[in-house]
Amino acid sequence: HYGIRCDCCNHTVRGMRWKCTSCEDYDLCQICKPKSYIHHHPDDHVFELVPHSRTSHRAPQFAVHHGIVCKCCDKTILGMRWKCTFCNNYDLCQDCKSKSSNIHDHPNNHAFQPIAYPEFKFDISGML
């Protein structure tokens, strides 16, 4: 993201860029996004994931996480997947993660890991 600096660490944003939809110029990098509470950014502001290239066919918003269902809306996760780092089987879609700071039936102190692209598992048993 040439020319875009993270408003938390002040480094050039590399990888995922998170833009506040309420502020004119407030961006976070993928490292600082989970720590955005440090900068006392308003809780009611929503962050939008901005892919590196809006024309890229590999941009995260096109990713389909087959077999992974959001615990809030019960839909297959498209785009960014948020996986709880404490729970074995707790994933959220981008919309549900963005809309709720207090997720129903889930501890508030659990951190979430962003997963932009699906994990592919290959079965090579038929190839041997």
N, C-alpha and C. Protein backbone atom coordinates (compact mmCIF):
# COMPACT_ATOMS: atom_id res chain seq x y z
N HIS A 1 0.86 -1.17 0.00
CA HIS A 1 0.00 0.00 0.00
C HIS A 1 0.90 1.23 0.00
N TYR A 2 1.42 1.53 -1.14
CA TYR A 2 2.38 2.62 -1.30
C TYR A 2 1.80 3.94 -0.78
N GLY A 3 2.54 4.58 0.10
CA GLY A 3 2.14 5.89 0.61
C GLY A 3 1.15 5.85 1.77
N ILE A 4 0.73 4.68 2.19
CA ILE A 4 -0.23 4.56 3.30
C ILE A 4 0.54 4.16 4.55
N ARG A 5 0.40 4.97 5.60
CA ARG A 5 1.08 4.69 6.86
C ARG A 5 0.06 4.30 7.93
N CYS A 6 0.46 3.36 8.75
CA CYS A 6 -0.38 2.92 9.86
C CYS A 6 -0.42 4.02 10.92
N ASP A 7 -1.62 4.37 11.36
CA ASP A 7 -1.78 5.41 12.37
C ASP A 7 -1.44 4.92 13.78
N CYS A 8 -1.09 3.65 13.90
CA CYS A 8 -0.70 3.11 15.20
C CYS A 8 0.83 3.05 15.31
N CYS A 9 1.49 2.38 14.37
CA CYS A 9 2.95 2.20 14.45
C CYS A 9 3.72 3.17 13.55
N ASN A 10 3.01 3.86 12.66
CA ASN A 10 3.58 4.84 11.74
C ASN A 10 4.49 4.23 10.66
N HIS A 11 4.39 2.92 10.44
CA HIS A 11 5.13 2.27 9.37
C HIS A 11 4.26 2.20 8.12
N THR A 12 4.90 2.05 6.96
CA THR A 12 4.15 1.85 5.72
C THR A 12 3.35 0.55 5.85
N VAL A 13 2.09 0.59 5.45
CA VAL A 13 1.23 -0.60 5.57
C VAL A 13 1.65 -1.63 4.53
N ARG A 14 1.96 -2.81 5.01
CA ARG A 14 2.29 -3.96 4.16
C ARG A 14 1.30 -5.06 4.51
N GLY A 15 0.91 -5.83 3.53
CA GLY A 15 -0.08 -6.88 3.79
C GLY A 15 -1.47 -6.28 3.85
N MET A 16 -2.24 -6.67 4.85
CA MET A 16 -3.62 -6.21 4.96
C MET A 16 -3.67 -4.78 5.51
N ARG A 17 -4.55 -3.98 4.91
CA ARG A 17 -4.76 -2.60 5.34
C ARG A 17 -6.19 -2.47 5.85
N TRP A 18 -6.34 -1.89 7.03
CA TRP A 18 -7.65 -1.68 7.63
C TRP A 18 -7.92 -0.19 7.67
N LYS A 19 -9.00 0.25 7.01
CA LYS A 19 -9.35 1.67 6.94
C LYS A 19 -10.62 1.92 7.74
N CYS A 20 -10.58 2.94 8.57
CA CYS A 20 -11.77 3.33 9.33
C CYS A 20 -12.78 3.93 8.35
N THR A 21 -14.01 3.44 8.40
CA THR A 21 -15.03 3.93 7.48
C THR A 21 -15.65 5.25 7.96
N SER A 22 -15.36 5.64 9.19
CA SER A 22 -15.91 6.89 9.73
C SER A 22 -14.93 8.06 9.64
N CYS A 23 -13.65 7.75 9.71
CA CYS A 23 -12.63 8.80 9.69
C CYS A 23 -12.10 9.01 8.28
N GLU A 24 -11.74 10.24 7.98
CA GLU A 24 -11.24 10.56 6.64
C GLU A 24 -9.90 9.90 6.36
N ASP A 25 -9.03 9.86 7.36
CA ASP A 25 -7.69 9.32 7.13
C ASP A 25 -7.20 8.59 8.38
N TYR A 26 -7.67 7.36 8.56
CA TYR A 26 -7.21 6.54 9.69
C TYR A 26 -7.09 5.11 9.20
N ASP A 27 -5.84 4.63 9.13
CA ASP A 27 -5.54 3.30 8.63
C ASP A 27 -4.71 2.53 9.65
N LEU A 28 -4.89 1.22 9.66
CA LEU A 28 -4.09 0.35 10.52
C LEU A 28 -3.51 -0.78 9.69
N CYS A 29 -2.33 -1.24 10.08
CA CYS A 29 -1.73 -2.39 9.42
C CYS A 29 -2.27 -3.67 10.07
N GLN A 30 -1.95 -4.81 9.49
CA GLN A 30 -2.47 -6.07 10.00
C GLN A 30 -1.92 -6.41 11.38
N ILE A 31 -0.77 -5.88 11.73
CA ILE A 31 -0.20 -6.14 13.05
C ILE A 31 -0.89 -5.29 14.12
N CYS A 32 -1.18 -4.05 13.78
CA CYS A 32 -1.77 -3.13 14.77
C CYS A 32 -3.28 -3.25 14.89
N LYS A 33 -3.96 -3.79 13.89
CA LYS A 33 -5.43 -3.87 13.94
C LYS A 33 -5.94 -4.55 15.21
N PRO A 34 -5.38 -5.70 15.60
CA PRO A 34 -5.87 -6.32 16.84
C PRO A 34 -5.58 -5.48 18.09
N LYS A 35 -4.65 -4.53 17.98
CA LYS A 35 -4.29 -3.69 19.12
C LYS A 35 -4.87 -2.29 19.02
N SER A 36 -5.89 -2.10 18.20
CA SER A 36 -6.42 -0.75 17.96
C SER A 36 -6.98 -0.11 19.22
N TYR A 37 -7.32 -0.91 20.23
CA TYR A 37 -7.83 -0.35 21.48
C TYR A 37 -6.79 0.52 22.18
N ILE A 38 -5.52 0.33 21.87
CA ILE A 38 -4.44 1.10 22.48
C ILE A 38 -4.56 2.58 22.14
N HIS A 39 -5.01 2.88 20.94
CA HIS A 39 -5.09 4.27 20.49
C HIS A 39 -6.41 4.94 20.79
N HIS A 40 -7.24 4.28 21.55
CA HIS A 40 -8.52 4.85 21.97
C HIS A 40 -9.36 5.32 20.79
N HIS A 41 -9.36 4.52 19.73
CA HIS A 41 -10.20 4.83 18.57
C HIS A 41 -11.65 4.52 18.97
N PRO A 42 -12.60 5.34 18.56
CA PRO A 42 -14.00 5.12 18.98
C PRO A 42 -14.49 3.70 18.68
N ASP A 43 -15.12 3.08 19.67
CA ASP A 43 -15.60 1.70 19.55
C ASP A 43 -16.67 1.52 18.47
N ASP A 44 -17.41 2.57 18.18
CA ASP A 44 -18.49 2.44 17.21
C ASP A 44 -18.02 2.61 15.76
N HIS A 45 -16.73 2.86 15.56
CA HIS A 45 -16.19 2.98 14.20
C HIS A 45 -15.89 1.59 13.65
N VAL A 46 -16.20 1.40 12.40
CA VAL A 46 -16.00 0.11 11.73
C VAL A 46 -14.80 0.21 10.80
N PHE A 47 -13.99 -0.83 10.79
CA PHE A 47 -12.84 -0.88 9.90
C PHE A 47 -13.14 -1.77 8.71
N GLU A 48 -12.72 -1.32 7.54
CA GLU A 48 -12.92 -2.06 6.30
C GLU A 48 -11.57 -2.58 5.83
N LEU A 49 -11.54 -3.84 5.42
CA LEU A 49 -10.33 -4.41 4.87
C LEU A 49 -10.16 -3.91 3.44
N VAL A 50 -9.01 -3.31 3.17
CA VAL A 50 -8.72 -2.80 1.83
C VAL A 50 -7.65 -3.69 1.22
N PRO A 51 -8.00 -4.45 0.18
CA PRO A 51 -6.99 -5.32 -0.43
C PRO A 51 -5.89 -4.50 -1.07
N HIS A 52 -4.74 -5.13 -1.25
CA HIS A 52 -3.59 -4.44 -1.83
C HIS A 52 -3.93 -3.88 -3.21
N SER A 53 -4.68 -4.64 -3.98
CA SER A 53 -5.11 -4.18 -5.29
C SER A 53 -6.59 -4.50 -5.45
N ARG A 54 -7.38 -3.49 -5.67
CA ARG A 54 -8.82 -3.71 -5.81
C ARG A 54 -9.16 -4.54 -7.05
N THR A 55 -8.24 -4.66 -8.00
CA THR A 55 -8.50 -5.42 -9.21
C THR A 55 -7.93 -6.83 -9.14
N SER A 56 -7.24 -7.15 -8.07
CA SER A 56 -6.62 -8.47 -7.96
C SER A 56 -7.67 -9.55 -7.76
N HIS A 57 -7.55 -10.64 -8.52
CA HIS A 57 -8.47 -11.76 -8.37
C HIS A 57 -8.14 -12.57 -7.13
N ARG A 58 -6.99 -12.30 -6.52
CA ARG A 58 -6.59 -13.02 -5.33
C ARG A 58 -6.84 -12.19 -4.07
N ALA A 59 -7.51 -11.08 -4.20
CA ALA A 59 -7.80 -10.24 -3.04
C ALA A 59 -8.68 -11.00 -2.06
N PRO A 60 -8.51 -10.75 -0.76
CA PRO A 60 -9.22 -11.52 0.26
C PRO A 60 -10.74 -11.53 0.14
N GLN A 61 -11.36 -10.49 -0.40
CA GLN A 61 -12.82 -10.48 -0.43
C GLN A 61 -13.38 -11.56 -1.35
N PHE A 62 -12.55 -12.17 -2.20
CA PHE A 62 -13.01 -13.22 -3.10
C PHE A 62 -12.77 -14.63 -2.54
N ALA A 63 -12.10 -14.72 -1.41
CA ALA A 63 -11.78 -16.03 -0.84
C ALA A 63 -13.03 -16.70 -0.28
N VAL A 64 -13.17 -17.99 -0.54
CA VAL A 64 -14.27 -18.79 0.01
C VAL A 64 -13.63 -19.84 0.92
N HIS A 65 -13.97 -19.79 2.18
CA HIS A 65 -13.43 -20.73 3.16
C HIS A 65 -14.41 -21.91 3.25
N HIS A 66 -14.29 -22.84 2.29
CA HIS A 66 -15.20 -23.98 2.21
C HIS A 66 -15.18 -24.79 3.50
N GLY A 67 -16.36 -25.08 4.02
CA GLY A 67 -16.48 -25.88 5.23
C GLY A 67 -16.30 -25.10 6.52
N ILE A 68 -16.04 -23.80 6.43
CA ILE A 68 -15.87 -22.97 7.62
C ILE A 68 -17.09 -22.05 7.71
N VAL A 69 -17.81 -22.17 8.82
CA VAL A 69 -19.07 -21.43 9.01
C VAL A 69 -18.91 -20.43 10.15
N CYS A 70 -19.42 -19.24 9.95
CA CYS A 70 -19.39 -18.19 10.97
C CYS A 70 -20.31 -18.58 12.13
N LYS A 71 -19.80 -18.45 13.35
CA LYS A 71 -20.57 -18.80 14.54
C LYS A 71 -21.70 -17.83 14.83
N CYS A 72 -21.65 -16.62 14.26
CA CYS A 72 -22.71 -15.65 14.51
C CYS A 72 -23.84 -15.73 13.48
N CYS A 73 -23.50 -15.70 12.19
CA CYS A 73 -24.54 -15.66 11.16
C CYS A 73 -24.80 -17.03 10.53
N ASP A 74 -23.97 -18.02 10.86
CA ASP A 74 -24.14 -19.39 10.39
C ASP A 74 -24.03 -19.53 8.87
N LYS A 75 -23.20 -18.67 8.25
CA LYS A 75 -22.98 -18.73 6.80
C LYS A 75 -21.54 -19.13 6.52
N THR A 76 -21.32 -19.73 5.35
CA THR A 76 -19.95 -20.03 4.93
C THR A 76 -19.18 -18.72 4.85
N ILE A 77 -17.95 -18.73 5.34
CA ILE A 77 -17.17 -17.49 5.41
C ILE A 77 -16.59 -17.16 4.04
N LEU A 78 -16.91 -15.95 3.58
CA LEU A 78 -16.38 -15.39 2.34
C LEU A 78 -15.51 -14.21 2.72
N GLY A 79 -14.35 -14.10 2.12
CA GLY A 79 -13.46 -12.99 2.45
C GLY A 79 -12.65 -13.31 3.70
N MET A 80 -12.44 -12.32 4.52
CA MET A 80 -11.61 -12.49 5.70
C MET A 80 -12.29 -13.41 6.72
N ARG A 81 -11.50 -14.34 7.22
CA ARG A 81 -11.96 -15.26 8.27
C ARG A 81 -11.25 -14.87 9.56
N TRP A 82 -11.99 -14.82 10.65
CA TRP A 82 -11.42 -14.49 11.96
C TRP A 82 -11.53 -15.71 12.85
N LYS A 83 -10.39 -16.28 13.21
CA LYS A 83 -10.34 -17.51 14.01
C LYS A 83 -9.92 -17.16 15.43
N CYS A 84 -10.69 -17.64 16.40
CA CYS A 84 -10.35 -17.43 17.80
C CYS A 84 -9.05 -18.18 18.10
N THR A 85 -8.12 -17.51 18.74
CA THR A 85 -6.83 -18.13 19.04
C THR A 85 -6.89 -18.99 20.30
N PHE A 86 -8.00 -18.95 21.02
CA PHE A 86 -8.15 -19.74 22.24
C PHE A 86 -9.05 -20.96 22.03
N CYS A 87 -10.10 -20.79 21.24
CA CYS A 87 -11.09 -21.86 21.05
C CYS A 87 -10.75 -22.70 19.81
N ASN A 88 -11.02 -23.99 19.88
CA ASN A 88 -10.70 -24.89 18.77
C ASN A 88 -11.53 -24.65 17.52
N ASN A 89 -12.80 -24.35 17.68
CA ASN A 89 -13.69 -24.28 16.53
C ASN A 89 -14.59 -23.05 16.63
N TYR A 90 -13.99 -21.87 16.60
CA TYR A 90 -14.77 -20.64 16.68
C TYR A 90 -14.25 -19.66 15.65
N ASP A 91 -15.03 -19.47 14.58
CA ASP A 91 -14.65 -18.59 13.48
C ASP A 91 -15.76 -17.58 13.23
N LEU A 92 -15.37 -16.39 12.78
CA LEU A 92 -16.32 -15.35 12.43
C LEU A 92 -16.01 -14.82 11.04
N CYS A 93 -17.06 -14.36 10.35
CA CYS A 93 -16.85 -13.68 9.07
C CYS A 93 -16.50 -12.22 9.35
N GLN A 94 -16.07 -11.52 8.33
CA GLN A 94 -15.67 -10.12 8.50
C GLN A 94 -16.83 -9.25 8.98
N ASP A 95 -18.02 -9.45 8.41
CA ASP A 95 -19.16 -8.63 8.79
C ASP A 95 -19.49 -8.77 10.27
N CYS A 96 -19.57 -10.01 10.75
CA CYS A 96 -19.92 -10.23 12.16
C CYS A 96 -18.81 -9.74 13.09
N LYS A 97 -17.57 -9.91 12.70
CA LYS A 97 -16.45 -9.44 13.53
C LYS A 97 -16.45 -7.92 13.61
N SER A 98 -16.75 -7.26 12.51
CA SER A 98 -16.75 -5.80 12.47
C SER A 98 -17.92 -5.18 13.22
N LYS A 99 -19.06 -5.84 13.19
CA LYS A 99 -20.28 -5.26 13.75
C LYS A 99 -20.40 -5.40 15.26
N SER A 100 -19.64 -6.30 15.83
CA SER A 100 -19.86 -6.56 17.25
C SER A 100 -18.56 -6.61 18.03
N SER A 101 -18.43 -5.72 19.00
CA SER A 101 -17.27 -5.79 19.89
C SER A 101 -17.56 -6.77 21.02
N ASN A 102 -18.83 -7.04 21.26
CA ASN A 102 -19.23 -8.00 22.29
C ASN A 102 -19.97 -9.15 21.59
N ILE A 103 -19.24 -10.19 21.27
CA ILE A 103 -19.78 -11.31 20.51
C ILE A 103 -20.55 -12.24 21.44
N HIS A 104 -21.77 -12.55 21.05
CA HIS A 104 -22.67 -13.39 21.84
C HIS A 104 -22.02 -14.72 22.20
N ASP A 105 -22.11 -15.08 23.47
CA ASP A 105 -21.62 -16.37 23.97
C ASP A 105 -20.14 -16.61 23.70
N HIS A 106 -19.33 -15.57 23.73
CA HIS A 106 -17.90 -15.75 23.52
C HIS A 106 -17.15 -14.77 24.42
N PRO A 107 -16.11 -15.24 25.12
CA PRO A 107 -15.36 -14.35 26.03
C PRO A 107 -14.76 -13.15 25.32
N ASN A 108 -14.91 -11.98 25.91
CA ASN A 108 -14.40 -10.74 25.31
C ASN A 108 -12.88 -10.68 25.28
N ASN A 109 -12.21 -11.42 26.15
CA ASN A 109 -10.76 -11.33 26.22
C ASN A 109 -10.04 -12.27 25.25
N HIS A 110 -10.77 -13.00 24.41
CA HIS A 110 -10.14 -13.88 23.43
C HIS A 110 -9.72 -13.07 22.20
N ALA A 111 -8.53 -13.34 21.72
CA ALA A 111 -8.01 -12.67 20.53
C ALA A 111 -8.40 -13.47 19.28
N PHE A 112 -8.51 -12.76 18.16
CA PHE A 112 -8.85 -13.40 16.89
C PHE A 112 -7.71 -13.20 15.90
N GLN A 113 -7.43 -14.25 15.16
CA GLN A 113 -6.39 -14.22 14.12
C GLN A 113 -7.07 -14.06 12.76
N PRO A 114 -6.65 -13.07 11.96
CA PRO A 114 -7.23 -12.95 10.62
C PRO A 114 -6.61 -13.98 9.68
N ILE A 115 -7.45 -14.61 8.89
CA ILE A 115 -6.99 -15.57 7.88
C ILE A 115 -7.58 -15.11 6.55
N ALA A 116 -6.72 -14.58 5.69
CA ALA A 116 -7.18 -13.99 4.43
C ALA A 116 -7.52 -15.04 3.39
N TYR A 117 -6.73 -16.09 3.33
CA TYR A 117 -6.91 -17.08 2.28
C TYR A 117 -7.21 -18.45 2.88
N PRO A 118 -8.06 -19.23 2.22
CA PRO A 118 -8.41 -20.56 2.75
C PRO A 118 -7.19 -21.46 2.83
N GLU A 119 -7.27 -22.37 3.78
CA GLU A 119 -6.22 -23.38 3.90
C GLU A 119 -6.58 -24.53 2.98
N PHE A 120 -5.68 -24.87 2.08
CA PHE A 120 -5.94 -25.95 1.14
C PHE A 120 -5.25 -27.21 1.63
N LYS A 121 -5.99 -28.31 1.57
CA LYS A 121 -5.43 -29.61 1.93
C LYS A 121 -5.46 -30.48 0.69
N PHE A 122 -4.32 -31.04 0.37
CA PHE A 122 -4.21 -31.85 -0.83
C PHE A 122 -4.18 -33.32 -0.46
N ASP A 123 -4.91 -34.12 -1.21
CA ASP A 123 -4.91 -35.56 -1.03
C ASP A 123 -4.10 -36.16 -2.16
N ILE A 124 -2.91 -36.62 -1.84
CA ILE A 124 -2.04 -37.18 -2.87
C ILE A 124 -2.09 -38.71 -2.89
N SER A 125 -2.99 -39.31 -2.10
CA SER A 125 -3.03 -40.77 -2.01
C SER A 125 -3.33 -41.42 -3.37
N GLY A 126 -4.16 -40.78 -4.19
CA GLY A 126 -4.48 -41.33 -5.50
C GLY A 126 -3.39 -41.10 -6.53
N MET A 127 -2.42 -40.28 -6.19
CA MET A 127 -1.35 -39.96 -7.14
C MET A 127 -0.15 -40.88 -6.99
N LEU A 128 -0.12 -41.64 -5.91
CA LEU A 128 1.04 -42.51 -5.66
C LEU A 128 0.90 -43.85 -6.31
